[in-house]
């Protein structure tokens, strides 16, 4: 049965029961989720968000300079 989501789902990595199944379903239905319980320092998270926002606010010409590869398409 396919679920309907009204918000971005939150994934808690400390609760691993059926985690792979849940992530698969979320990726197939809406494509986004939030991960918690990962242990990554808040400063690292904040810095990554700042860099990400800076990149996505950049002109398209700059964003097009970044390309994925067969081994790492992200």
Protein backbone atom coordinates (compact mmCIF):
# COMPACT_ATOMS: atom_id res chain seq x y z
CA UNK A 1 0.00 0.00 0.00
CA UNK A 2 1.42 3.39 -1.01
CA UNK A 3 1.39 6.11 1.64
CA UNK A 4 0.67 9.78 1.01
CA UNK A 5 2.95 12.33 2.70
CA UNK A 6 2.02 15.93 3.51
CA UNK A 7 5.51 16.76 4.84
CA UNK A 8 9.07 15.57 4.27
CA UNK A 9 9.45 12.30 6.22
CA UNK A 10 11.98 12.07 9.06
CA UNK A 11 14.22 8.97 9.19
CA UNK A 12 15.73 8.05 12.58
CA UNK A 13 18.92 6.04 12.03
CA UNK A 14 18.84 4.80 15.62
CA UNK A 15 15.64 2.87 14.86
CA UNK A 16 16.85 0.42 12.18
CA UNK A 17 13.90 -1.96 12.11
CA UNK A 18 12.63 -2.14 8.51
CA UNK A 19 14.69 0.98 7.73
CA UNK A 20 15.66 -0.09 4.22
CA UNK A 21 12.04 -0.84 3.30
CA UNK A 22 10.87 2.53 4.63
CA UNK A 23 13.60 4.48 2.82
CA UNK A 24 12.83 2.62 -0.42
CA UNK A 25 9.14 3.49 -0.18
CA UNK A 26 9.83 7.15 0.60
CA UNK A 27 12.34 7.48 -2.26
CA UNK A 28 9.88 5.93 -4.69
CA UNK A 29 6.92 8.06 -3.59
CA UNK A 30 8.26 11.54 -2.79
CA UNK A 31 12.05 11.44 -3.09
CA UNK A 32 12.97 13.38 0.06
CA UNK A 33 13.42 12.61 3.76
CA UNK A 34 15.16 14.01 6.82
CA UNK A 35 17.73 11.89 8.69
CA UNK A 36 18.07 12.17 12.48
CA UNK A 37 20.08 10.17 15.00
CA UNK A 38 23.18 10.19 12.76
CA UNK A 39 25.60 11.72 15.27
CA UNK A 40 26.96 14.39 12.90
CA UNK A 41 28.04 17.51 14.82
CA UNK A 42 25.60 20.44 14.54
CA UNK A 43 28.35 22.81 13.36
CA UNK A 44 29.17 20.46 10.48
CA UNK A 45 25.46 20.31 9.60
CA UNK A 46 25.15 24.11 9.75
CA UNK A 47 28.27 24.62 7.61
CA UNK A 48 27.02 22.11 5.02
CA UNK A 49 23.63 23.83 4.81
CA UNK A 50 25.34 27.21 4.35
CA UNK A 51 27.56 25.89 1.53
CA UNK A 52 24.56 24.15 -0.09
CA UNK A 53 22.44 27.31 0.03
CA UNK A 54 25.32 29.33 -1.41
CA UNK A 55 25.68 26.86 -4.28
CA UNK A 56 21.96 26.72 -5.11
CA UNK A 57 21.72 30.52 -5.07
CA UNK A 58 24.62 30.71 -7.55
CA UNK A 59 24.01 31.53 -11.22
CA UNK A 60 23.12 28.58 -13.46
CA UNK A 61 26.40 29.04 -15.33
CA UNK A 62 28.34 28.22 -12.16
CA UNK A 63 26.09 25.28 -11.24
CA UNK A 64 26.56 23.80 -14.71
CA UNK A 65 30.32 23.60 -14.08
CA UNK A 66 29.62 20.87 -11.52
CA UNK A 67 28.92 17.53 -13.17
CA UNK A 68 28.45 14.03 -11.88
CA UNK A 69 30.20 10.97 -13.16
CA UNK A 70 29.25 7.36 -13.76
CA UNK A 71 30.82 6.41 -10.43
CA UNK A 72 29.41 9.38 -8.47
CA UNK A 73 26.36 10.94 -10.14
CA UNK A 74 25.46 13.31 -7.30
